[in-house]
Structures are given as C-alpha cells and as structure tokens.
Amino acid sequence: MAKVATQITIGDYAKWRAGFDKAAPFREKAGMKNVQVYRDADKPTALLIWSEVDDLTKARAILDSSDLRNAMREAGVVGDPKILSMKSIRLCPLKKARNVGGTSRADAKANRRLSFF
C-alpha cells in the first residue's frame, strides 16, 4: 500500500473544508482510504492531507487532473499543491539499548524508541 501526502496552503478554512467535502468523489475515484487532514500548529493556512492508496498510478492520474486542480482553486487553495507519493519499504528492527555506565532505565527506554538503525 502506498501513501500520498498533499501539502497545500489555503485562505479560509471553512471555505476550503466545504470544498474538500464536496470533492469526496475525486478521492473515491483515486482509491484514497484513511484520509487524514492535518493543520500546521504555527501556520493555520498550511495543511497536509495524508491518505493510503492501493494503486499509485490511478491516484496520481486523479491528483494531476485539471478537474481536481480547478476544484482546489474554487475551494480556496492558494498556489500549487505539493504532492508526495511514497511506497512502503522494509522496516529495520530496532536495536536493543543497553544500560551502560549509569544510564537510567528511563534513558535506556527512550534510546530504544529513538534507535532506528
């Protein structure tokens, strides 16, 4: 399963949200599932729409369509969206943290969470 992240800038959130809800058929046609909208904590006009798709080629065709771009402009999207398409990769197992030289259990636990390679 692939992920699609769409980064946009909007003017008015209420106007955009109404347009976003109205554009549900585009998301359905693109095969988007588990769609989530995030709003930047420091800049409320910056949004990120995150979703999962089974067919990335199909999703890209819809996301690049002029019909969707026009709907986005009507909803108040400012400028061009930035669309990232990502495929899953094999996850690496976490390294076990060792309690070495006075490292507390809490620190060792935190290190386990932060150890990606």
PDB file of N, CA and C in Angstrom:
ATOM      1  N   MET A   1       0.845  -1.169   0.000  1.00  0.00           N
ATOM      2  CA  MET A   1       0.000   0.000   0.000  1.00  0.00           C
ATOM      3  C   MET A   1       0.892   1.234   0.000  1.00  0.00           C
ATOM      4  N   ALA A   2       0.534   2.188  -0.827  1.00  0.00           N
ATOM      5  CA  ALA A   2       1.293   3.432  -0.931  1.00  0.00           C
ATOM      6  C   ALA A   2       0.605   4.526  -0.130  1.00  0.00           C
ATOM      7  N   LYS A   3       1.366   5.558   0.160  1.00  0.00           N
ATOM      8  CA  LYS A   3       0.857   6.726   0.893  1.00  0.00           C
ATOM      9  C   LYS A   3       0.965   7.943  -0.016  1.00  0.00           C
ATOM     10  N   VAL A   4       0.004   8.840   0.126  1.00  0.00           N
ATOM     11  CA  VAL A   4       0.035  10.099  -0.609  1.00  0.00           C
ATOM     12  C   VAL A   4      -0.103  11.220   0.401  1.00  0.00           C
ATOM     13  N   ALA A   5       0.817  12.163   0.348  1.00  0.00           N
ATOM     14  CA  ALA A   5       0.770  13.353   1.201  1.00  0.00           C
ATOM     15  C   ALA A   5       0.635  14.563   0.289  1.00  0.00           C
ATOM     16  N   THR A   6      -0.404  15.351   0.516  1.00  0.00           N
ATOM     17  CA  THR A   6      -0.636  16.553  -0.278  1.00  0.00           C
ATOM     18  C   THR A   6      -0.524  17.757   0.636  1.00  0.00           C
ATOM     19  N   GLN A   7       0.436  18.615   0.344  1.00  0.00           N
ATOM     20  CA  GLN A   7       0.675  19.804   1.152  1.00  0.00           C
ATOM     21  C   GLN A   7       0.095  21.000   0.404  1.00  0.00           C
ATOM     22  N   ILE A   8      -0.799  21.743   1.082  1.00  0.00           N
ATOM     23  CA  ILE A   8      -1.438  22.890   0.441  1.00  0.00           C
ATOM     24  C   ILE A   8      -1.453  24.093   1.378  1.00  0.00           C
ATOM     25  N   THR A   9      -1.664  25.251   0.774  1.00  0.00           N
ATOM     26  CA  THR A   9      -1.888  26.482   1.519  1.00  0.00           C
ATOM     27  C   THR A   9      -3.286  26.957   1.153  1.00  0.00           C
ATOM     28  N   ILE A  10      -4.046  27.365   2.166  1.00  0.00           N
ATOM     29  CA  ILE A  10      -5.424  27.789   1.940  1.00  0.00           C
ATOM     30  C   ILE A  10      -5.624  29.213   2.440  1.00  0.00           C
ATOM     31  N   GLY A  11      -6.749  29.796   2.045  1.00  0.00           N
ATOM     32  CA  GLY A  11      -7.120  31.101   2.564  1.00  0.00           C
ATOM     33  C   GLY A  11      -7.982  30.917   3.804  1.00  0.00           C
ATOM     34  N   ASP A  12      -9.235  30.568   3.608  1.00  0.00           N
ATOM     35  CA  ASP A  12     -10.207  30.406   4.682  1.00  0.00           C
ATOM     36  C   ASP A  12     -10.498  28.917   4.897  1.00  0.00           C
ATOM     37  N   TYR A  13     -10.335  28.438   6.140  1.00  0.00           N
ATOM     38  CA  TYR A  13     -10.508  27.006   6.408  1.00  0.00           C
ATOM     39  C   TYR A  13     -11.938  26.539   6.155  1.00  0.00           C
ATOM     40  N   ALA A  14     -12.925  27.298   6.593  1.00  0.00           N
ATOM     41  CA  ALA A  14     -14.327  26.885   6.427  1.00  0.00           C
ATOM     42  C   ALA A  14     -14.669  26.729   4.943  1.00  0.00           C
ATOM     43  N   LYS A  15     -14.222  27.669   4.127  1.00  0.00           N
ATOM     44  CA  LYS A  15     -14.461  27.588   2.685  1.00  0.00           C
ATOM     45  C   LYS A  15     -13.754  26.368   2.102  1.00  0.00           C
ATOM     46  N   TRP A  16     -12.493  26.166   2.504  1.00  0.00           N
ATOM     47  CA  TRP A  16     -11.741  25.025   1.994  1.00  0.00           C
ATOM     48  C   TRP A  16     -12.401  23.718   2.410  1.00  0.00           C
ATOM     49  N   ARG A  17     -12.818  23.621   3.671  1.00  0.00           N
ATOM     50  CA  ARG A  17     -13.395  22.372   4.170  1.00  0.00           C
ATOM     51  C   ARG A  17     -14.657  22.004   3.412  1.00  0.00           C
ATOM     52  N   ALA A  18     -15.482  22.997   3.099  1.00  0.00           N
ATOM     53  CA  ALA A  18     -16.693  22.734   2.321  1.00  0.00           C
ATOM     54  C   ALA A  18     -16.329  22.193   0.935  1.00  0.00           C
ATOM     55  N   GLY A  19     -15.308  22.788   0.312  1.00  0.00           N
ATOM     56  CA  GLY A  19     -14.851  22.307  -0.988  1.00  0.00           C
ATOM     57  C   GLY A  19     -14.224  20.928  -0.908  1.00  0.00           C
ATOM     58  N   PHE A  20     -13.486  20.684   0.164  1.00  0.00           N
ATOM     59  CA  PHE A  20     -12.858  19.371   0.374  1.00  0.00           C
ATOM     60  C   PHE A  20     -13.929  18.291   0.509  1.00  0.00           C
ATOM     61  N   ASP A  21     -14.953  18.574   1.302  1.00  0.00           N
ATOM     62  CA  ASP A  21     -16.038  17.607   1.479  1.00  0.00           C
ATOM     63  C   ASP A  21     -16.777  17.363   0.170  1.00  0.00           C
ATOM     64  N   LYS A  22     -16.977  18.422  -0.605  1.00  0.00           N
ATOM     65  CA  LYS A  22     -17.662  18.320  -1.894  1.00  0.00           C
ATOM     66  C   LYS A  22     -16.842  17.496  -2.894  1.00  0.00           C
ATOM     67  N   ALA A  23     -15.523  17.487  -2.739  1.00  0.00           N
ATOM     68  CA  ALA A  23     -14.626  16.785  -3.658  1.00  0.00           C
ATOM     69  C   ALA A  23     -14.419  15.317  -3.294  1.00  0.00           C
ATOM     70  N   ALA A  24     -15.223  14.776  -2.399  1.00  0.00           N
ATOM     71  CA  ALA A  24     -15.092  13.364  -1.999  1.00  0.00           C
ATOM     72  C   ALA A  24     -15.088  12.407  -3.197  1.00  0.00           C
ATOM     73  N   PRO A  25     -15.884  12.646  -4.245  1.00  0.00           N
ATOM     74  CA  PRO A  25     -15.834  11.731  -5.397  1.00  0.00           C
ATOM     75  C   PRO A  25     -14.452  11.619  -6.047  1.00  0.00           C
ATOM     76  N   PHE A  26     -13.671  12.694  -6.027  1.00  0.00           N
ATOM     77  CA  PHE A  26     -12.302  12.623  -6.556  1.00  0.00           C
ATOM     78  C   PHE A  26     -11.471  11.643  -5.728  1.00  0.00           C
ATOM     79  N   ARG A  27     -11.598  11.735  -4.403  1.00  0.00           N
ATOM     80  CA  ARG A  27     -10.828  10.841  -3.528  1.00  0.00           C
ATOM     81  C   ARG A  27     -11.276   9.393  -3.708  1.00  0.00           C
ATOM     82  N   GLU A  28     -12.579   9.192  -3.848  1.00  0.00           N
ATOM     83  CA  GLU A  28     -13.089   7.835  -4.067  1.00  0.00           C
ATOM     84  C   GLU A  28     -12.575   7.272  -5.390  1.00  0.00           C
ATOM     85  N   LYS A  29     -12.618   8.085  -6.442  1.00  0.00           N
ATOM     86  CA  LYS A  29     -12.145   7.652  -7.761  1.00  0.00           C
ATOM     87  C   LYS A  29     -10.649   7.337  -7.736  1.00  0.00           C
ATOM     88  N   ALA A  30      -9.899   8.081  -6.936  1.00  0.00           N
ATOM     89  CA  ALA A  30      -8.451   7.855  -6.811  1.00  0.00           C
ATOM     90  C   ALA A  30      -8.131   6.665  -5.911  1.00  0.00           C
ATOM     91  N   GLY A  31      -9.135   6.122  -5.229  1.00  0.00           N
ATOM     92  CA  GLY A  31      -8.914   4.983  -4.344  1.00  0.00           C
ATOM     93  C   GLY A  31      -8.274   5.361  -3.027  1.00  0.00           C
ATOM     94  N   MET A  32      -8.469   6.595  -2.593  1.00  0.00           N
ATOM     95  CA  MET A  32      -7.868   7.060  -1.340  1.00  0.00           C
ATOM     96  C   MET A  32      -8.657   6.528  -0.148  1.00  0.00           C
ATOM     97  N   LYS A  33      -7.917   6.013   0.822  1.00  0.00           N
ATOM     98  CA  LYS A  33      -8.513   5.479   2.048  1.00  0.00           C
ATOM     99  C   LYS A  33      -7.804   6.097   3.248  1.00  0.00           C
ATOM    100  N   ASN A  34      -8.469   6.030   4.390  1.00  0.00           N
ATOM    101  CA  ASN A  34      -7.882   6.544   5.635  1.00  0.00           C
ATOM    102  C   ASN A  34      -7.341   7.963   5.460  1.00  0.00           C
ATOM    103  N   VAL A  35      -8.153   8.816   4.872  1.00  0.00           N
ATOM    104  CA  VAL A  35      -7.747  10.203   4.615  1.00  0.00           C
ATOM    105  C   VAL A  35      -7.747  10.978   5.930  1.00  0.00           C
ATOM    106  N   GLN A  36      -6.641  11.667   6.179  1.00  0.00           N
ATOM    107  CA  GLN A  36      -6.491  12.463   7.394  1.00  0.00           C
ATOM    108  C   GLN A  36      -6.015  13.854   7.009  1.00  0.00           C
ATOM    109  N   VAL A  37      -6.565  14.853   7.672  1.00  0.00           N
ATOM    110  CA  VAL A  37      -6.182  16.246   7.415  1.00  0.00           C
ATOM    111  C   VAL A  37      -5.465  16.775   8.642  1.00  0.00           C
ATOM    112  N   TYR A  38      -4.297  17.368   8.421  1.00  0.00           N
ATOM    113  CA  TYR A  38      -3.510  17.967   9.493  1.00  0.00           C
ATOM    114  C   TYR A  38      -3.349  19.448   9.200  1.00  0.00           C
ATOM    115  N   ARG A  39      -3.417  20.241  10.250  1.00  0.00           N
ATOM    116  CA  ARG A  39      -3.249  21.688  10.139  1.00  0.00           C
ATOM    117  C   ARG A  39      -2.003  22.092  10.911  1.00  0.00           C
ATOM    118  N   ASP A  40      -1.148  22.883  10.298  1.00  0.00           N
ATOM    119  CA  ASP A  40       0.084  23.314  10.940  1.00  0.00           C
ATOM    120  C   ASP A  40      -0.238  24.083  12.220  1.00  0.00           C
ATOM    121  N   ALA A  41       0.427  23.729  13.302  1.00  0.00           N
ATOM    122  CA  ALA A  41       0.164  24.347  14.605  1.00  0.00           C
ATOM    123  C   ALA A  41       0.556  25.820  14.631  1.00  0.00           C
ATOM    124  N   ASP A  42       1.555  26.207  13.843  1.00  0.00           N
ATOM    125  CA  ASP A  42       2.031  27.588  13.855  1.00  0.00           C
ATOM    126  C   ASP A  42       1.520  28.425  12.683  1.00  0.00           C
ATOM    127  N   LYS A  43       1.084  27.760  11.642  1.00  0.00           N
ATOM    128  CA  LYS A  43       0.611  28.466  10.443  1.00  0.00           C
ATOM    129  C   LYS A  43      -0.704  27.806  10.005  1.00  0.00           C
ATOM    130  N   PRO A  44      -1.849  28.284  10.490  1.00  0.00           N
ATOM    131  CA  PRO A  44      -3.129  27.615  10.249  1.00  0.00           C
ATOM    132  C   PRO A  44      -3.582  27.567   8.793  1.00  0.00           C
ATOM    133  N   THR A  45      -2.895  28.266   7.906  1.00  0.00           N
ATOM    134  CA  THR A  45      -3.255  28.190   6.490  1.00  0.00           C
ATOM    135  C   THR A  45      -2.507  27.070   5.768  1.00  0.00           C
ATOM    136  N   ALA A  46      -1.606  26.391   6.466  1.00  0.00           N
ATOM    137  CA  ALA A  46      -0.846  25.279   5.889  1.00  0.00           C
ATOM    138  C   ALA A  46      -1.478  23.959   6.316  1.00  0.00           C
ATOM    139  N   LEU A  47      -1.856  23.150   5.325  1.00  0.00           N
ATOM    140  CA  LEU A  47      -2.491  21.865   5.600  1.00  0.00           C
ATOM    141  C   LEU A  47      -1.716  20.738   4.943  1.00  0.00           C
ATOM    142  N   LEU A  48      -1.881  19.548   5.515  1.00  0.00           N
ATOM    143  CA  LEU A  48      -1.330  18.330   4.943  1.00  0.00           C
ATOM    144  C   LEU A  48      -2.450  17.300   4.927  1.00  0.00           C
ATOM    145  N   ILE A  49      -2.733  16.757   3.754  1.00  0.00           N
ATOM    146  CA  ILE A  49      -3.743  15.705   3.620  1.00  0.00           C
ATOM    147  C   ILE A  49      -2.992  14.412   3.363  1.00  0.00           C
ATOM    148  N   TRP A  50      -3.205  13.450   4.224  1.00  0.00           N
ATOM    149  CA  TRP A  50      -2.478  12.173   4.201  1.00  0.00           C
ATOM    150  C   TRP A  50      -3.474  11.071   3.883  1.00  0.00           C
ATOM    151  N   SER A  51      -3.125  10.166   2.974  1.00  0.00           N
ATOM    152  CA  SER A  51      -4.035   9.064   2.656  1.00  0.00           C
ATOM    153  C   SER A  51      -3.252   7.840   2.202  1.00  0.00           C
ATOM    154  N   GLU A  52      -3.966   6.744   2.116  1.00  0.00           N
ATOM    155  CA  GLU A  52      -3.406   5.491   1.628  1.00  0.00           C
ATOM    156  C   GLU A  52      -4.098   5.148   0.311  1.00  0.00           C
ATOM    157  N   VAL A  53      -3.331   4.576  -0.611  1.00  0.00           N
ATOM    158  CA  VAL A  53      -3.892   4.150  -1.891  1.00  0.00           C
ATOM    159  C   VAL A  53      -3.328   2.780  -2.258  1.00  0.00           C
ATOM    160  N   ASP A  54      -4.146   1.990  -2.945  1.00  0.00           N
ATOM    161  CA  ASP A  54      -3.676   0.693  -3.432  1.00  0.00           C
ATOM    162  C   ASP A  54      -2.970   0.836  -4.783  1.00  0.00           C
ATOM    163  N   ASP A  55      -3.479   1.748  -5.620  1.00  0.00           N
ATOM    164  CA  ASP A  55      -2.958   1.921  -6.970  1.00  0.00           C
ATOM    165  C   ASP A  55      -2.429   3.354  -7.114  1.00  0.00           C
ATOM    166  N   LEU A  56      -1.117   3.497  -6.989  1.00  0.00           N
ATOM    167  CA  LEU A  56      -0.488   4.811  -7.025  1.00  0.00           C
ATOM    168  C   LEU A  56      -0.646   5.478  -8.390  1.00  0.00           C
ATOM    169  N   THR A  57      -0.590   4.714  -9.460  1.00  0.00           N
ATOM    170  CA  THR A  57      -0.742   5.270 -10.806  1.00  0.00           C
ATOM    171  C   THR A  57      -2.131   5.874 -10.979  1.00  0.00           C
ATOM    172  N   LYS A  58      -3.136   5.167 -10.524  1.00  0.00           N
ATOM    173  CA  LYS A  58      -4.516   5.654 -10.595  1.00  0.00           C
ATOM    174  C   LYS A  58      -4.680   6.926  -9.762  1.00  0.00           C
ATOM    175  N   ALA A  59      -4.131   6.931  -8.569  1.00  0.00           N
ATOM    176  CA  ALA A  59      -4.233   8.101  -7.689  1.00  0.00           C
ATOM    177  C   ALA A  59      -3.540   9.306  -8.303  1.00  0.00           C
ATOM    178  N   ARG A  60      -2.348   9.103  -8.869  1.00  0.00           N
ATOM    179  CA  ARG A  60      -1.611  10.214  -9.483  1.00  0.00           C
ATOM    180  C   ARG A  60      -2.394  10.823 -10.647  1.00  0.00           C
ATOM    181  N   ALA A  61      -3.053   9.966 -11.434  1.00  0.00           N
ATOM    182  CA  ALA A  61      -3.825  10.460 -12.577  1.00  0.00           C
ATOM    183  C   ALA A  61      -4.941  11.394 -12.113  1.00  0.00           C
ATOM    184  N   ILE A  62      -5.616  11.048 -11.032  1.00  0.00           N
ATOM    185  CA  ILE A  62      -6.683  11.901 -10.496  1.00  0.00           C
ATOM    186  C   ILE A  62      -6.094  13.159  -9.880  1.00  0.00           C
ATOM    187  N   LEU A  63      -5.026  13.015  -9.090  1.00  0.00           N
ATOM    188  CA  LEU A  63      -4.423  14.169  -8.421  1.00  0.00           C
ATOM    189  C   LEU A  63      -3.847  15.184  -9.408  1.00  0.00           C
ATOM    190  N   ASP A  64      -3.440  14.723 -10.573  1.00  0.00           N
ATOM    191  CA  ASP A  64      -2.884  15.617 -11.586  1.00  0.00           C
ATOM    192  C   ASP A  64      -3.935  16.149 -12.552  1.00  0.00           C
ATOM    193  N   SER A  65      -5.187  15.763 -12.374  1.00  0.00           N
ATOM    194  CA  SER A  65      -6.230  16.166 -13.324  1.00  0.00           C
ATOM    195  C   SER A  65      -6.576  17.649 -13.182  1.00  0.00           C
ATOM    196  N   SER A  66      -6.924  18.241 -14.300  1.00  0.00           N
ATOM    197  CA  SER A  66      -7.305  19.652 -14.291  1.00  0.00           C
ATOM    198  C   SER A  66      -8.629  19.855 -13.538  1.00  0.00           C
ATOM    199  N   ASP A  67      -9.507  18.861 -13.570  1.00  0.00           N
ATOM    200  CA  ASP A  67     -10.777  18.975 -12.839  1.00  0.00           C
ATOM    201  C   ASP A  67     -10.533  19.117 -11.336  1.00  0.00           C
ATOM    202  N   LEU A  68      -9.630  18.304 -10.789  1.00  0.00           N
ATOM    203  CA  LEU A  68      -9.336  18.399  -9.362  1.00  0.00           C
ATOM    204  C   LEU A  68      -8.624  19.715  -9.050  1.00  0.00           C
ATOM    205  N   ARG A  69      -7.698  20.119  -9.894  1.00  0.00           N
ATOM    206  CA  ARG A  69      -6.991  21.385  -9.660  1.00  0.00           C
ATOM    207  C   ARG A  69      -7.976  22.554  -9.652  1.00  0.00           C
ATOM    208  N   ASN A  70      -8.966  22.543 -10.554  1.00  0.00           N
ATOM    209  CA  ASN A  70      -9.979  23.596 -10.576  1.00  0.00           C
ATOM    210  C   ASN A  70     -10.821  23.568  -9.304  1.00  0.00           C
ATOM    211  N   ALA A  71     -11.179  22.368  -8.850  1.00  0.00           N
ATOM    212  CA  ALA A  71     -11.954  22.242  -7.611  1.00  0.00           C
ATOM    213  C   ALA A  71     -11.156  22.764  -6.414  1.00  0.00           C
ATOM    214  N   MET A  72      -9.853  22.521  -6.423  1.00  0.00           N
ATOM    215  CA  MET A  72      -8.995  23.009  -5.341  1.00  0.00           C
ATOM    216  C   MET A  72      -8.949  24.537  -5.341  1.00  0.00           C
ATOM    217  N   ARG A  73      -8.811  25.122  -6.519  1.00  0.00           N
ATOM    218  CA  ARG A  73      -8.792  26.591  -6.606  1.00  0.00           C
ATOM    219  C   ARG A  73     -10.117  27.179  -6.124  1.00  0.00           C
ATOM    220  N   GLU A  74     -11.235  26.565  -6.528  1.00  0.00           N
ATOM    221  CA  GLU A  74     -12.556  27.035  -6.093  1.00  0.00           C
ATOM    222  C   GLU A  74     -12.711  26.939  -4.584  1.00  0.00           C
ATOM    223  N   ALA A  75     -12.052  25.965  -3.974  1.00  0.00           N
ATOM    224  CA  ALA A  75     -12.129  25.770  -2.525  1.00  0.00           C
ATOM    225  C   ALA A  75     -11.190  26.697  -1.762  1.00  0.00           C
ATOM    226  N   GLY A  76     -10.391  27.476  -2.488  1.00  0.00           N
ATOM    227  CA  GLY A  76      -9.525  28.436  -1.822  1.00  0.00           C
ATOM    228  C   GLY A  76      -8.090  28.003  -1.633  1.00  0.00           C
ATOM    229  N   VAL A  77      -7.654  26.969  -2.355  1.00  0.00           N
ATOM    230  CA  VAL A  77      -6.245  26.573  -2.279  1.00  0.00           C
ATOM    231  C   VAL A  77      -5.420  27.634  -2.998  1.00  0.00           C
ATOM    232  N   VAL A  78      -4.383  28.094  -2.337  1.00  0.00           N
ATOM    233  CA  VAL A  78      -3.513  29.145  -2.865  1.00  0.00           C
ATOM    234  C   VAL A  78      -2.270  28.482  -3.452  1.00  0.00           C
ATOM    235  N   GLY A  79      -1.989  28.754  -4.724  1.00  0.00           N
ATOM    236  CA  GLY A  79      -0.805  28.182  -5.357  1.00  0.00           C
ATOM    237  C   GLY A  79      -0.996  26.711  -5.690  1.00  0.00           C
ATOM    238  N   ASP A  80       0.089  26.102  -6.106  1.00  0.00           N
ATOM    239  CA  ASP A  80       0.059  24.690  -6.482  1.00  0.00           C
ATOM    240  C   ASP A  80       0.282  23.799  -5.266  1.00  0.00           C
ATOM    241  N   PRO A  81      -0.423  22.670  -5.221  1.00  0.00           N
ATOM    242  CA  PRO A  81      -0.178  21.738  -4.115  1.00  0.00           C
ATOM    243  C   PRO A  81       1.152  21.014  -4.326  1.00  0.00           C
ATOM    244  N   LYS A  82       1.734  20.569  -3.242  1.00  0.00           N
ATOM    245  CA  LYS A  82       2.933  19.733  -3.306  1.00  0.00           C
ATOM    246  C   LYS A  82       2.470  18.327  -2.965  1.00  0.00           C
ATOM    247  N   ILE A  83       2.625  17.407  -3.905  1.00  0.00           N
ATOM    248  CA  ILE A  83       2.121  16.047  -3.728  1.00  0.00           C
ATOM    249  C   ILE A  83       3.303  15.083  -3.661  1.00  0.00           C
ATOM    250  N   LEU A  84       3.354  14.334  -2.577  1.00  0.00           N
ATOM    251  CA  LEU A  84       4.391  13.322  -2.389  1.00  0.00           C
ATOM    252  C   LEU A  84       3.736  11.942  -2.436  1.00  0.00           C
ATOM    253  N   SER A  85       4.292  11.060  -3.242  1.00  0.00           N
ATOM    254  CA  SER A  85       3.812   9.683  -3.339  1.00  0.00           C
ATOM    255  C   SER A  85       4.895   8.778  -2.782  1.00  0.00           C
ATOM    256  N   MET A  86       4.523   7.949  -1.826  1.00  0.00           N
ATOM    257  CA  MET A  86       5.518   7.114  -1.160  1.00  0.00           C
ATOM    258  C   MET A  86       5.062   5.661  -1.101  1.00  0.00           C
ATOM    259  N   LYS A  87       6.002   4.765  -1.294  1.00  0.00           N
ATOM    260  CA  LYS A  87       5.733   3.340  -1.163  1.00  0.00           C
ATOM    261  C   LYS A  87       6.411   2.841   0.100  1.00  0.00           C
ATOM    262  N   SER A  88       5.836   1.826   0.705  1.00  0.00           N
ATOM    263  CA  SER A  88       6.401   1.246   1.918  1.00  0.00           C
ATOM    264  C   SER A  88       7.713   0.542   1.599  1.00  0.00           C
ATOM    265  N   ILE A  89       8.611   0.595   2.554  1.00  0.00           N
ATOM    266  CA  ILE A  89       9.858  -0.144   2.436  1.00  0.00           C
ATOM    267  C   ILE A  89       9.961  -1.105   3.618  1.00  0.00           C
ATOM    268  N   ARG A  90      10.879  -2.007   3.534  1.00  0.00           N
ATOM    269  CA  ARG A  90      11.077  -2.960   4.615  1.00  0.00           C
ATOM    270  C   ARG A  90      11.521  -2.219   5.857  1.00  0.00           C
ATOM    271  N   LEU A  91      10.878  -2.500   6.948  1.00  0.00           N
ATOM    272  CA  LEU A  91      11.252  -1.880   8.213  1.00  0.00           C
ATOM    273  C   LEU A  91      12.457  -2.579   8.815  1.00  0.00           C
ATOM    274  N   CYS A  92      13.340  -1.819   9.408  1.00  0.00           N
ATOM    275  CA  CYS A  92      14.507  -2.365  10.087  1.00  0.00           C
ATOM    276  C   CYS A  92      14.150  -2.611  11.550  1.00  0.00           C
ATOM    277  N   PRO A  93      14.581  -3.727  12.105  1.00  0.00           N
ATOM    278  CA  PRO A  93      14.304  -3.948  13.526  1.00  0.00           C
ATOM    279  C   PRO A  93      15.063  -2.947  14.387  1.00  0.00           C
ATOM    280  N   LEU A  94      14.474  -2.572  15.488  1.00  0.00           N
ATOM    281  CA  LEU A  94      15.129  -1.643  16.408  1.00  0.00           C
ATOM    282  C   LEU A  94      16.251  -2.345  17.148  1.00  0.00           C
ATOM    283  N   LYS A  95      17.335  -1.613  17.370  1.00  0.00           N
ATOM    284  CA  LYS A  95      18.425  -2.144  18.189  1.00  0.00           C
ATOM    285  C   LYS A  95      17.996  -2.098  19.641  1.00  0.00           C
ATOM    286  N   LYS A  96      18.449  -3.044  20.392  1.00  0.00           N
ATOM    287  CA  LYS A  96      18.176  -3.018  21.825  1.00  0.00           C
ATOM    288  C   LYS A  96      19.167  -2.077  22.492  1.00  0.00           C
ATOM    289  N   ALA A  97      18.651  -1.212  23.323  1.00  0.00           N
ATOM    290  CA  ALA A  97      19.520  -0.291  24.069  1.00  0.00           C
ATOM    291  C   ALA A  97      20.081  -1.038  25.272  1.00  0.00           C
ATOM    292  N   ARG A  98      21.335  -0.748  25.572  1.00  0.00           N
ATOM    293  CA  ARG A  98      21.965  -1.370  26.735  1.00  0.00           C
ATOM    294  C   ARG A  98      22.081  -0.343  27.834  1.00  0.00           C
ATOM    295  N   ASN A  99      21.927  -0.800  29.050  1.00  0.00           N
ATOM    296  CA  ASN A  99      22.081   0.067  30.215  1.00  0.00           C
ATOM    297  C   ASN A  99      23.569   0.109  30.550  1.00  0.00           C
ATOM    298  N   VAL A 100      24.259   1.113  29.981  1.00  0.00           N
ATOM    299  CA  VAL A 100      25.714   1.191  30.108  1.00  0.00           C
ATOM    300  C   VAL A 100      26.099   2.401  30.944  1.00  0.00           C
ATOM    301  N   GLY A 101      27.020   2.205  31.870  1.00  0.00           N
ATOM    302  CA  GLY A 101      27.664   3.286  32.598  1.00  0.00           C
ATOM    303  C   GLY A 101      26.741   4.339  33.174  1.00  0.00           C
ATOM    304  N   GLY A 102      25.789   3.941  33.982  1.00  0.00           N
ATOM    305  CA  GLY A 102      24.968   4.897  34.697  1.00  0.00           C
ATOM    306  C   GLY A 102      23.755   5.403  33.924  1.00  0.00           C
ATOM    307  N   THR A 103      23.475   4.848  32.757  1.00  0.00           N
ATOM    308  CA  THR A 103      22.271   5.249  32.029  1.00  0.00           C
ATOM    309  C   THR A 103      21.061   4.734  32.794  1.00  0.00           C
ATOM    310  N   SER A 104      20.118   5.609  33.051  1.00  0.00           N
ATOM    311  CA  SER A 104      18.929   5.199  33.788  1.00  0.00           C
ATOM    312  C   SER A 104      18.037   4.323  32.919  1.00  0.00           C
ATOM    313  N   ARG A 105      17.132   3.611  33.553  1.00  0.00           N
ATOM    314  CA  ARG A 105      16.177   2.782  32.806  1.00  0.00           C
ATOM    315  C   ARG A 105      15.321   3.642  31.885  1.00  0.00           C
ATOM    316  N   ALA A 106      14.940   4.821  32.354  1.00  0.00           N
ATOM    317  CA  ALA A 106      14.122   5.719  31.526  1.00  0.00           C
ATOM    318  C   ALA A 106      14.896   6.148  30.279  1.00  0.00           C
ATOM    319  N   ASP A 107      16.203   6.465  30.461  1.00  0.00           N
ATOM    320  CA  ASP A 107      17.028   6.850  29.310  1.00  0.00           C
ATOM    321  C   ASP A 107      17.190   5.674  28.347  1.00  0.00           C
ATOM    322  N   ALA A 108      17.401   4.490  28.890  1.00  0.00           N
ATOM    323  CA  ALA A 108      17.554   3.310  28.041  1.00  0.00           C
ATOM    324  C   ALA A 108      16.277   3.058  27.249  1.00  0.00           C
ATOM    325  N   LYS A 109      15.131   3.240  27.887  1.00  0.00           N
ATOM    326  CA  LYS A 109      13.846   3.053  27.203  1.00  0.00           C
ATOM    327  C   LYS A 109      13.681   4.093  26.096  1.00  0.00           C
ATOM    328  N   ALA A 110      14.025   5.336  26.363  1.00  0.00           N
ATOM    329  CA  ALA A 110      13.940   6.395  25.356  1.00  0.00           C
ATOM    330  C   ALA A 110      14.876   6.098  24.194  1.00  0.00           C
ATOM    331  N   ASN A 111      16.077   5.608  24.480  1.00  0.00           N
ATOM    332  CA  ASN A 111      17.032   5.268  23.430  1.00  0.00           C
ATOM    333  C   ASN A 111      16.496   4.158  22.546  1.00  0.00           C
ATOM    334  N   ARG A 112      15.796   3.191  23.119  1.00  0.00           N
ATOM    335  CA  ARG A 112      15.209   2.118  22.322  1.00  0.00           C
ATOM    336  C   ARG A 112      14.201   2.687  21.331  1.00  0.00           C
ATOM    337  N   ARG A 113      13.418   3.675  21.793  1.00  0.00           N
ATOM    338  CA  ARG A 113      12.418   4.280  20.901  1.00  0.00           C
ATOM    339  C   ARG A 113      13.082   5.088  19.792  1.00  0.00           C
ATOM    340  N   LEU A 114      14.249   5.675  20.051  1.00  0.00           N
ATOM    341  CA  LEU A 114      14.895   6.541  19.087  1.00  0.00           C
ATOM    342  C   LEU A 114      15.914   5.825  18.209  1.00  0.00           C
ATOM    343  N   SER A 115      16.201   4.575  18.491  1.00  0.00           N
ATOM    344  CA  SER A 115      17.217   3.848  17.754  1.00  0.00           C
ATOM    345  C   SER A 115      16.605   3.240  16.494  1.00  0.00           C
ATOM    346  N   PHE A 116      16.890   3.837  15.337  1.00  0.00           N
ATOM    347  CA  PHE A 116      16.265   3.381  14.098  1.00  0.00           C
ATOM    348  C   PHE A 116      17.170   2.485  13.261  1.00  0.00           C
ATOM    349  N   PHE A 117      18.445   2.496  13.495  1.00  0.00           N
ATOM    350  CA  PHE A 117      19.354   1.735  12.640  1.00  0.00           C
ATOM    351  C   PHE A 117      20.156   0.740  13.428  1.00  0.00           C
TER     352      PHE A 117
END
